């Protein structure tokens, strides 16, 4: 009997390990962050139904780059404020933060801090 071992990157291993423990509910959705080399994407997910409640990214039509924004960390702060505004309009004040296997540093931390400053609790 042969089987193929699944080779995962360290980020994918962290992602699977955390996903087993972190679940979003209707009252407290999971705020999942993904970052690429150029952009950042954030979505609030209700894991009980598998539905995305709200999303924001640096590619959105509602995203307007402020004049004082510097680089990708500034971009992440703006996206964090944008997702917080969208969740607060839908009466979701508390979330569970899922860094998606990325280290809590730089752009991931900037999204979290901006969302907290805008009124989300986690």
C-alpha atoms as a PDB file:
ATOM      1  CA  UNK A   1       0.000   0.000   0.000  1.00  0.00           C
ATOM      2  CA  UNK A   2       1.517   3.281  -1.040  1.00  0.00           C
ATOM      3  CA  UNK A   3       0.470   6.762  -0.155  1.00  0.00           C
ATOM      4  CA  UNK A   4       1.768  10.180  -0.938  1.00  0.00           C
ATOM      5  CA  UNK A   5       2.857  12.342   1.950  1.00  0.00           C
ATOM      6  CA  UNK A   6       1.521  15.862   1.692  1.00  0.00           C
ATOM      7  CA  UNK A   7       4.352  18.377   1.782  1.00  0.00           C
ATOM      8  CA  UNK A   8       3.222  21.584   3.443  1.00  0.00           C
ATOM      9  CA  UNK A   9       5.067  24.836   3.851  1.00  0.00           C
ATOM     10  CA  UNK A  10       5.585  26.039   7.417  1.00  0.00           C
ATOM     11  CA  UNK A  11       2.872  28.684   6.881  1.00  0.00           C
ATOM     12  CA  UNK A  12       0.403  26.030   5.715  1.00  0.00           C
ATOM     13  CA  UNK A  13       1.233  23.904   8.771  1.00  0.00           C
ATOM     14  CA  UNK A  14       0.555  26.850  11.110  1.00  0.00           C
ATOM     15  CA  UNK A  15      -2.603  27.640   9.170  1.00  0.00           C
ATOM     16  CA  UNK A  16      -4.019  24.123   9.586  1.00  0.00           C
ATOM     17  CA  UNK A  17      -3.022  23.920  13.240  1.00  0.00           C
ATOM     18  CA  UNK A  18      -4.749  27.209  14.061  1.00  0.00           C
ATOM     19  CA  UNK A  19      -7.808  26.486  11.904  1.00  0.00           C
ATOM     20  CA  UNK A  20      -8.548  23.402  14.016  1.00  0.00           C
ATOM     21  CA  UNK A  21      -8.934  25.630  17.073  1.00  0.00           C
ATOM     22  CA  UNK A  22     -10.237  28.967  15.741  1.00  0.00           C
ATOM     23  CA  UNK A  23     -13.855  29.001  14.574  1.00  0.00           C
ATOM     24  CA  UNK A  24     -16.076  31.907  13.671  1.00  0.00           C
ATOM     25  CA  UNK A  25     -19.734  32.016  14.640  1.00  0.00           C
ATOM     26  CA  UNK A  26     -22.636  34.174  13.557  1.00  0.00           C
ATOM     27  CA  UNK A  27     -22.222  36.402  16.630  1.00  0.00           C
ATOM     28  CA  UNK A  28     -18.410  36.431  16.461  1.00  0.00           C
ATOM     29  CA  UNK A  29     -17.112  35.875  12.909  1.00  0.00           C
ATOM     30  CA  UNK A  30     -13.533  34.939  12.053  1.00  0.00           C
ATOM     31  CA  UNK A  31     -11.503  37.830  10.632  1.00  0.00           C
ATOM     32  CA  UNK A  32      -9.149  36.122   8.172  1.00  0.00           C
ATOM     33  CA  UNK A  33      -6.189  38.018   6.702  1.00  0.00           C
ATOM     34  CA  UNK A  34      -4.236  37.145   3.560  1.00  0.00           C
ATOM     35  CA  UNK A  35      -1.291  39.117   2.267  1.00  0.00           C
ATOM     36  CA  UNK A  36       0.406  38.878  -1.077  1.00  0.00           C
ATOM     37  CA  UNK A  37       3.515  40.736  -2.136  1.00  0.00           C
ATOM     38  CA  UNK A  38       1.496  43.700  -3.435  1.00  0.00           C
ATOM     39  CA  UNK A  39      -1.920  43.643  -1.738  1.00  0.00           C
ATOM     40  CA  UNK A  40      -3.751  42.676   1.446  1.00  0.00           C
ATOM     41  CA  UNK A  41      -7.143  40.990   1.740  1.00  0.00           C
ATOM     42  CA  UNK A  42      -9.376  40.659   4.823  1.00  0.00           C
ATOM     43  CA  UNK A  43     -12.675  38.828   5.146  1.00  0.00           C
ATOM     44  CA  UNK A  44     -15.062  38.060   7.984  1.00  0.00           C
ATOM     45  CA  UNK A  45     -16.280  34.463   7.809  1.00  0.00           C
ATOM     46  CA  UNK A  46     -19.126  32.714   9.623  1.00  0.00           C
ATOM     47  CA  UNK A  47     -17.782  29.141   9.837  1.00  0.00           C
ATOM     48  CA  UNK A  48     -21.096  27.656  10.977  1.00  0.00           C
ATOM     49  CA  UNK A  49     -22.653  28.473   7.583  1.00  0.00           C
ATOM     50  CA  UNK A  50     -19.464  28.887   5.564  1.00  0.00           C
ATOM     51  CA  UNK A  51     -20.530  32.342   4.408  1.00  0.00           C
ATOM     52  CA  UNK A  52     -18.425  35.455   4.029  1.00  0.00           C
ATOM     53  CA  UNK A  53     -20.080  38.287   5.971  1.00  0.00           C
ATOM     54  CA  UNK A  54     -17.870  41.166   4.825  1.00  0.00           C
ATOM     55  CA  UNK A  55     -14.637  41.658   2.959  1.00  0.00           C
ATOM     56  CA  UNK A  56     -12.145  44.406   2.233  1.00  0.00           C
ATOM     57  CA  UNK A  57      -8.946  44.554   0.251  1.00  0.00           C
ATOM     58  CA  UNK A  58      -6.532  47.010  -1.240  1.00  0.00           C
ATOM     59  CA  UNK A  59      -8.127  46.248  -4.631  1.00  0.00           C
ATOM     60  CA  UNK A  60     -11.676  47.270  -3.610  1.00  0.00           C
ATOM     61  CA  UNK A  61     -13.582  50.021  -5.353  1.00  0.00           C
ATOM     62  CA  UNK A  62     -14.306  51.505  -1.908  1.00  0.00           C
ATOM     63  CA  UNK A  63     -10.593  51.632  -1.133  1.00  0.00           C
ATOM     64  CA  UNK A  64      -9.146  55.087  -1.643  1.00  0.00           C
ATOM     65  CA  UNK A  65      -5.471  55.563  -0.940  1.00  0.00           C
ATOM     66  CA  UNK A  66      -5.037  58.444   1.530  1.00  0.00           C
ATOM     67  CA  UNK A  67      -2.321  61.006   0.855  1.00  0.00           C
ATOM     68  CA  UNK A  68      -0.558  60.290   4.164  1.00  0.00           C
ATOM     69  CA  UNK A  69      -0.417  56.520   3.577  1.00  0.00           C
ATOM     70  CA  UNK A  70       3.142  55.227   3.356  1.00  0.00           C
ATOM     71  CA  UNK A  71       3.816  51.921   1.655  1.00  0.00           C
ATOM     72  CA  UNK A  72       2.192  48.584   2.288  1.00  0.00           C
ATOM     73  CA  UNK A  73       1.843  49.003   6.064  1.00  0.00           C
ATOM     74  CA  UNK A  74      -0.193  52.154   5.513  1.00  0.00           C
ATOM     75  CA  UNK A  75      -2.235  50.241   2.958  1.00  0.00           C
ATOM     76  CA  UNK A  76      -2.908  47.543   5.569  1.00  0.00           C
ATOM     77  CA  UNK A  77      -4.045  50.140   8.126  1.00  0.00           C
ATOM     78  CA  UNK A  78      -6.545  51.570   5.655  1.00  0.00           C
ATOM     79  CA  UNK A  79      -7.910  48.100   4.852  1.00  0.00           C
ATOM     80  CA  UNK A  80      -8.236  47.377   8.601  1.00  0.00           C
ATOM     81  CA  UNK A  81     -10.326  50.517   9.089  1.00  0.00           C
ATOM     82  CA  UNK A  82     -12.431  49.647   6.038  1.00  0.00           C
ATOM     83  CA  UNK A  83     -13.295  46.112   7.252  1.00  0.00           C
ATOM     84  CA  UNK A  84     -14.125  47.461  10.722  1.00  0.00           C
ATOM     85  CA  UNK A  85     -16.530  50.021   9.255  1.00  0.00           C
ATOM     86  CA  UNK A  86     -18.239  47.360   7.142  1.00  0.00           C
ATOM     87  CA  UNK A  87     -18.625  44.980  10.092  1.00  0.00           C
ATOM     88  CA  UNK A  88     -19.893  47.671  12.444  1.00  0.00           C
ATOM     89  CA  UNK A  89     -22.610  48.666   9.952  1.00  0.00           C
ATOM     90  CA  UNK A  90     -23.758  45.023  10.050  1.00  0.00           C
ATOM     91  CA  UNK A  91     -23.867  45.054  13.890  1.00  0.00           C
ATOM     92  CA  UNK A  92     -20.796  42.794  14.314  1.00  0.00           C
ATOM     93  CA  UNK A  93     -18.672  44.313  17.062  1.00  0.00           C
ATOM     94  CA  UNK A  94     -16.684  41.255  18.198  1.00  0.00           C
ATOM     95  CA  UNK A  95     -14.556  39.033  15.953  1.00  0.00           C
ATOM     96  CA  UNK A  96     -11.976  36.258  16.224  1.00  0.00           C
ATOM     97  CA  UNK A  97      -8.697  37.261  14.546  1.00  0.00           C
ATOM     98  CA  UNK A  98      -7.142  34.659  12.229  1.00  0.00           C
ATOM     99  CA  UNK A  99      -3.702  35.655  10.976  1.00  0.00           C
ATOM    100  CA  UNK A 100      -3.830  32.734   8.510  1.00  0.00           C
ATOM    101  CA  UNK A 101      -0.400  31.338   9.383  1.00  0.00           C
ATOM    102  CA  UNK A 102       1.397  34.647   8.896  1.00  0.00           C
ATOM    103  CA  UNK A 103       3.520  36.052  11.698  1.00  0.00           C
ATOM    104  CA  UNK A 104       1.838  38.757  13.799  1.00  0.00           C
ATOM    105  CA  UNK A 105       4.153  41.476  12.575  1.00  0.00           C
ATOM    106  CA  UNK A 106       4.187  44.256  10.013  1.00  0.00           C
ATOM    107  CA  UNK A 107       1.125  44.358   7.767  1.00  0.00           C
ATOM    108  CA  UNK A 108      -0.812  41.703   9.724  1.00  0.00           C
ATOM    109  CA  UNK A 109      -0.329  43.660  12.947  1.00  0.00           C
ATOM    110  CA  UNK A 110      -1.258  46.907  11.160  1.00  0.00           C
ATOM    111  CA  UNK A 111      -4.600  45.426  10.052  1.00  0.00           C
ATOM    112  CA  UNK A 112      -5.350  44.208  13.578  1.00  0.00           C
ATOM    113  CA  UNK A 113      -4.413  47.502  15.244  1.00  0.00           C
ATOM    114  CA  UNK A 114      -6.426  49.585  12.772  1.00  0.00           C
ATOM    115  CA  UNK A 115      -9.485  47.350  13.186  1.00  0.00           C
ATOM    116  CA  UNK A 116      -9.231  47.644  16.981  1.00  0.00           C
ATOM    117  CA  UNK A 117      -8.907  51.428  16.787  1.00  0.00           C
ATOM    118  CA  UNK A 118     -11.979  51.566  14.542  1.00  0.00           C
ATOM    119  CA  UNK A 119     -14.073  49.754  17.167  1.00  0.00           C
ATOM    120  CA  UNK A 120     -13.778  45.980  16.676  1.00  0.00           C
ATOM    121  CA  UNK A 121     -13.154  43.818  19.743  1.00  0.00           C
ATOM    122  CA  UNK A 122     -10.762  40.843  19.667  1.00  0.00           C
END
